[in-house]
Amino acid sequence: MTQADEWWEVGREPARHVVSLGVAVTLTAVSIDVLLVGRLSLFFDLSFMALCLGLAALVRREDFFLVALLPPLLMSAVFGFVALVARDAIADPRDSVLQAIISGVATHGIALFVGYALCLGWLGWRLHREGEADIATELSRELGRPTG
């Protein structure tokens, strides 16, 4: 693996940093969308999908499990917050908080599905690639050759 490949392929951030970044970026996307459009639109959906892929790329290998669970939890938690402060951005203003959360997740379910698939796919690809690198390192050690 070359050094140029490493900057995007191998994440080094601990889970707590990745989760904090995920919450911050999701809330930023919500804020921008609500300020510009008044509700969550395609901008939020595209931002969420890109964020899910980015979080999977940033996390270190030891914390894959937490990031693998993050997209649905992140969307539900953020929609819970939005349901408390600006319910009309995700649902009918007369809906209850729980109904607004469910309505928001259902409305943006395709973004959740695609974001989750991107996240899990990237984590799986990283596991596969790192597994190949581990095998190459072991083979080169046994054969007495430097890795490169």
C-alpha atoms as a PDB file:
ATOM      1  CA  MET A   1       0.000   0.000   0.000  1.00  0.00           C
ATOM      2  CA  THR A   2       1.458   3.353  -0.982  1.00  0.00           C
ATOM      3  CA  GLN A   3       1.438   6.430   1.179  1.00  0.00           C
ATOM      4  CA  ALA A   4      -0.874   8.188  -1.281  1.00  0.00           C
ATOM      5  CA  ASP A   5      -3.487   5.449  -0.774  1.00  0.00           C
ATOM      6  CA  GLU A   6      -3.259   5.693   2.994  1.00  0.00           C
ATOM      7  CA  TRP A   7      -4.710   9.171   3.465  1.00  0.00           C
ATOM      8  CA  TRP A   8      -8.184   8.124   2.379  1.00  0.00           C
ATOM      9  CA  GLU A   9      -8.161   4.399   2.932  1.00  0.00           C
ATOM     10  CA  VAL A  10      -7.095   3.985   6.519  1.00  0.00           C
ATOM     11  CA  GLY A  11      -9.066   5.809   9.201  1.00  0.00           C
ATOM     12  CA  ARG A  12      -7.382   6.707  12.449  1.00  0.00           C
ATOM     13  CA  GLU A  13     -10.069   8.550  14.406  1.00  0.00           C
ATOM     14  CA  PRO A  14     -11.522   7.067  17.602  1.00  0.00           C
ATOM     15  CA  ALA A  15     -15.248   6.400  17.732  1.00  0.00           C
ATOM     16  CA  ARG A  16     -16.056   9.296  20.073  1.00  0.00           C
ATOM     17  CA  HIS A  17     -14.551  11.772  17.588  1.00  0.00           C
ATOM     18  CA  VAL A  18     -16.399  10.200  14.668  1.00  0.00           C
ATOM     19  CA  VAL A  19     -19.715  10.241  16.535  1.00  0.00           C
ATOM     20  CA  SER A  20     -19.209  13.892  17.554  1.00  0.00           C
ATOM     21  CA  LEU A  21     -18.374  14.813  13.970  1.00  0.00           C
ATOM     22  CA  GLY A  22     -21.432  12.935  12.725  1.00  0.00           C
ATOM     23  CA  VAL A  23     -23.770  14.767  15.092  1.00  0.00           C
ATOM     24  CA  ALA A  24     -22.211  18.151  14.302  1.00  0.00           C
ATOM     25  CA  VAL A  25     -22.326  17.718  10.523  1.00  0.00           C
ATOM     26  CA  THR A  26     -25.864  16.323  10.570  1.00  0.00           C
ATOM     27  CA  LEU A  27     -27.129  19.204  12.695  1.00  0.00           C
ATOM     28  CA  THR A  28     -25.323  21.643  10.412  1.00  0.00           C
ATOM     29  CA  ALA A  29     -27.004  20.130   7.352  1.00  0.00           C
ATOM     30  CA  VAL A  30     -30.375  20.305   9.114  1.00  0.00           C
ATOM     31  CA  SER A  31     -29.783  23.947  10.072  1.00  0.00           C
ATOM     32  CA  ILE A  32     -28.773  24.973   6.558  1.00  0.00           C
ATOM     33  CA  ASP A  33     -31.702  23.150   4.987  1.00  0.00           C
ATOM     34  CA  VAL A  34     -34.267  24.546   7.420  1.00  0.00           C
ATOM     35  CA  LEU A  35     -32.902  28.088   7.053  1.00  0.00           C
ATOM     36  CA  LEU A  36     -32.887  27.945   3.249  1.00  0.00           C
ATOM     37  CA  VAL A  37     -35.946  25.829   2.482  1.00  0.00           C
ATOM     38  CA  GLY A  38     -37.924  25.672   5.722  1.00  0.00           C
ATOM     39  CA  ARG A  39     -37.925  21.876   5.837  1.00  0.00           C
ATOM     40  CA  LEU A  40     -35.570  18.973   5.169  1.00  0.00           C
ATOM     41  CA  SER A  41     -35.046  18.447   1.455  1.00  0.00           C
ATOM     42  CA  LEU A  42     -32.808  16.561  -0.929  1.00  0.00           C
ATOM     43  CA  PHE A  43     -29.858  18.583   0.395  1.00  0.00           C
ATOM     44  CA  PHE A  44     -30.189  16.888   3.775  1.00  0.00           C
ATOM     45  CA  ASP A  45     -30.528  13.462   2.169  1.00  0.00           C
ATOM     46  CA  LEU A  46     -27.391  13.893   0.044  1.00  0.00           C
ATOM     47  CA  SER A  47     -25.458  15.350   2.968  1.00  0.00           C
ATOM     48  CA  PHE A  48     -26.456  12.436   5.193  1.00  0.00           C
ATOM     49  CA  MET A  49     -25.417   9.836   2.623  1.00  0.00           C
ATOM     50  CA  ALA A  50     -22.034  11.513   2.077  1.00  0.00           C
ATOM     51  CA  LEU A  51     -21.562  11.814   5.832  1.00  0.00           C
ATOM     52  CA  CYS A  52     -22.190   8.099   6.383  1.00  0.00           C
ATOM     53  CA  LEU A  53     -19.503   7.264   3.840  1.00  0.00           C
ATOM     54  CA  GLY A  54     -17.114   9.791   5.366  1.00  0.00           C
ATOM     55  CA  LEU A  55     -17.587   8.463   8.891  1.00  0.00           C
ATOM     56  CA  ALA A  56     -16.825   4.930   7.731  1.00  0.00           C
ATOM     57  CA  ALA A  57     -13.643   6.204   6.105  1.00  0.00           C
ATOM     58  CA  LEU A  58     -12.480   8.122   9.182  1.00  0.00           C
ATOM     59  CA  VAL A  59     -12.971   5.581  11.964  1.00  0.00           C
ATOM     60  CA  ARG A  60     -10.145   3.356  13.159  1.00  0.00           C
ATOM     61  CA  ARG A  61     -10.533  -0.384  12.815  1.00  0.00           C
ATOM     62  CA  GLU A  62     -11.061  -1.044  16.528  1.00  0.00           C
ATOM     63  CA  ASP A  63     -14.213   1.100  16.457  1.00  0.00           C
ATOM     64  CA  PHE A  64     -15.917  -0.320  13.354  1.00  0.00           C
ATOM     65  CA  PHE A  65     -18.785  -1.785  15.384  1.00  0.00           C
ATOM     66  CA  LEU A  66     -19.947   1.554  16.753  1.00  0.00           C
ATOM     67  CA  VAL A  67     -19.852   3.258  13.364  1.00  0.00           C
ATOM     68  CA  ALA A  68     -21.663   0.284  11.825  1.00  0.00           C
ATOM     69  CA  LEU A  69     -24.571   1.103  14.160  1.00  0.00           C
ATOM     70  CA  LEU A  70     -24.344   4.877  13.806  1.00  0.00           C
ATOM     71  CA  PRO A  71     -26.482   5.891  10.757  1.00  0.00           C
ATOM     72  CA  PRO A  72     -29.919   4.852  12.065  1.00  0.00           C
ATOM     73  CA  LEU A  73     -29.132   6.050  15.582  1.00  0.00           C
ATOM     74  CA  LEU A  74     -27.795   9.349  14.268  1.00  0.00           C
ATOM     75  CA  MET A  75     -30.811  10.028  12.090  1.00  0.00           C
ATOM     76  CA  SER A  76     -33.267   9.082  14.851  1.00  0.00           C
ATOM     77  CA  ALA A  77     -31.492  11.203  17.483  1.00  0.00           C
ATOM     78  CA  VAL A  78     -31.241  14.236  15.211  1.00  0.00           C
ATOM     79  CA  PHE A  79     -34.882  13.896  14.183  1.00  0.00           C
ATOM     80  CA  GLY A  80     -35.785  13.675  17.880  1.00  0.00           C
ATOM     81  CA  PHE A  81     -34.056  16.991  18.421  1.00  0.00           C
ATOM     82  CA  VAL A  82     -35.673  18.518  15.345  1.00  0.00           C
ATOM     83  CA  ALA A  83     -39.084  17.252  16.495  1.00  0.00           C
ATOM     84  CA  LEU A  84     -38.592  19.174  19.737  1.00  0.00           C
ATOM     85  CA  VAL A  85     -37.396  22.475  18.252  1.00  0.00           C
ATOM     86  CA  ALA A  86     -38.810  22.657  14.705  1.00  0.00           C
ATOM     87  CA  ARG A  87     -41.381  19.910  14.250  1.00  0.00           C
ATOM     88  CA  ASP A  88     -42.738  21.402  11.030  1.00  0.00           C
ATOM     89  CA  ALA A  89     -39.368  20.735   9.322  1.00  0.00           C
ATOM     90  CA  ILE A  90     -39.960  16.971   9.374  1.00  0.00           C
ATOM     91  CA  ALA A  91     -43.675  16.468  10.013  1.00  0.00           C
ATOM     92  CA  ASP A  92     -47.005  18.146  10.584  1.00  0.00           C
ATOM     93  CA  PRO A  93     -46.691  20.640  13.460  1.00  0.00           C
ATOM     94  CA  ARG A  94     -49.687  18.981  15.212  1.00  0.00           C
ATOM     95  CA  ASP A  95     -47.962  15.577  15.364  1.00  0.00           C
ATOM     96  CA  SER A  96     -46.576  14.270  18.630  1.00  0.00           C
ATOM     97  CA  VAL A  97     -42.795  14.101  19.062  1.00  0.00           C
ATOM     98  CA  LEU A  98     -42.734  10.338  18.479  1.00  0.00           C
ATOM     99  CA  GLN A  99     -44.995  10.628  15.453  1.00  0.00           C
ATOM    100  CA  ALA A 100     -42.750  13.385  14.035  1.00  0.00           C
ATOM    101  CA  ILE A 101     -39.628  11.217  14.503  1.00  0.00           C
ATOM    102  CA  ILE A 102     -41.265   8.256  12.780  1.00  0.00           C
ATOM    103  CA  SER A 103     -42.576  10.486   9.998  1.00  0.00           C
ATOM    104  CA  GLY A 104     -39.133  12.044   9.477  1.00  0.00           C
ATOM    105  CA  VAL A 105     -37.352   8.697   9.360  1.00  0.00           C
ATOM    106  CA  ALA A 106     -39.987   7.324   6.988  1.00  0.00           C
ATOM    107  CA  THR A 107     -39.773  10.368   4.716  1.00  0.00           C
ATOM    108  CA  HIS A 108     -35.977  10.206   4.574  1.00  0.00           C
ATOM    109  CA  GLY A 109     -35.807   6.408   4.632  1.00  0.00           C
ATOM    110  CA  ILE A 110     -34.125   6.140   1.234  1.00  0.00           C
ATOM    111  CA  ALA A 111     -31.313   8.408   2.403  1.00  0.00           C
ATOM    112  CA  LEU A 112     -30.999   6.295   5.547  1.00  0.00           C
ATOM    113  CA  PHE A 113     -30.915   3.076   3.524  1.00  0.00           C
ATOM    114  CA  VAL A 114     -28.344   4.352   1.017  1.00  0.00           C
ATOM    115  CA  GLY A 115     -26.216   5.984   3.721  1.00  0.00           C
ATOM    116  CA  TYR A 116     -26.283   2.820   5.810  1.00  0.00           C
ATOM    117  CA  ALA A 117     -25.398   0.684   2.781  1.00  0.00           C
ATOM    118  CA  LEU A 118     -22.491   3.005   1.906  1.00  0.00           C
ATOM    119  CA  CYS A 119     -21.256   2.926   5.491  1.00  0.00           C
ATOM    120  CA  LEU A 120     -21.422  -0.862   5.846  1.00  0.00           C
ATOM    121  CA  GLY A 121     -20.024  -1.400   2.365  1.00  0.00           C
ATOM    122  CA  TRP A 122     -17.041   0.843   3.028  1.00  0.00           C
ATOM    123  CA  LEU A 123     -16.351  -0.784   6.397  1.00  0.00           C
ATOM    124  CA  GLY A 124     -16.557  -4.219   4.767  1.00  0.00           C
ATOM    125  CA  TRP A 125     -14.218  -3.139   1.975  1.00  0.00           C
ATOM    126  CA  ARG A 126     -11.752  -1.788   4.534  1.00  0.00           C
ATOM    127  CA  LEU A 127     -11.854  -5.079   6.464  1.00  0.00           C
ATOM    128  CA  HIS A 128     -11.219  -6.985   3.241  1.00  0.00           C
ATOM    129  CA  ARG A 129      -8.342  -4.705   2.150  1.00  0.00           C
ATOM    130  CA  GLU A 130      -6.712  -4.688   5.577  1.00  0.00           C
ATOM    131  CA  GLY A 131      -7.029  -8.465   5.689  1.00  0.00           C
ATOM    132  CA  GLU A 132      -5.190  -8.710   2.354  1.00  0.00           C
ATOM    133  CA  ALA A 133      -2.490  -6.378   3.665  1.00  0.00           C
ATOM    134  CA  ASP A 134      -2.094  -8.529   6.788  1.00  0.00           C
ATOM    135  CA  ILE A 135      -1.691 -11.661   4.650  1.00  0.00           C
ATOM    136  CA  ALA A 136       0.889  -9.948   2.424  1.00  0.00           C
ATOM    137  CA  THR A 137       2.842  -8.799   5.489  1.00  0.00           C
ATOM    138  CA  GLU A 138       2.833 -12.297   6.986  1.00  0.00           C
ATOM    139  CA  LEU A 139       3.952 -13.882   3.710  1.00  0.00           C
ATOM    140  CA  SER A 140       6.774 -11.419   3.279  1.00  0.00           C
ATOM    141  CA  ARG A 141       7.949 -12.038   6.848  1.00  0.00           C
ATOM    142  CA  GLU A 142       8.000 -15.780   6.293  1.00  0.00           C
ATOM    143  CA  LEU A 143       9.867 -15.392   3.015  1.00  0.00           C
ATOM    144  CA  GLY A 144      12.262 -12.838   4.512  1.00  0.00           C
ATOM    145  CA  ARG A 145      11.349 -10.085   2.060  1.00  0.00           C
ATOM    146  CA  PRO A 146      10.503  -6.492   2.941  1.00  0.00           C
ATOM    147  CA  THR A 147       6.935  -5.343   2.341  1.00  0.00           C
ATOM    148  CA  GLY A 148       6.407  -2.528  -0.088  1.00  0.00           C
END
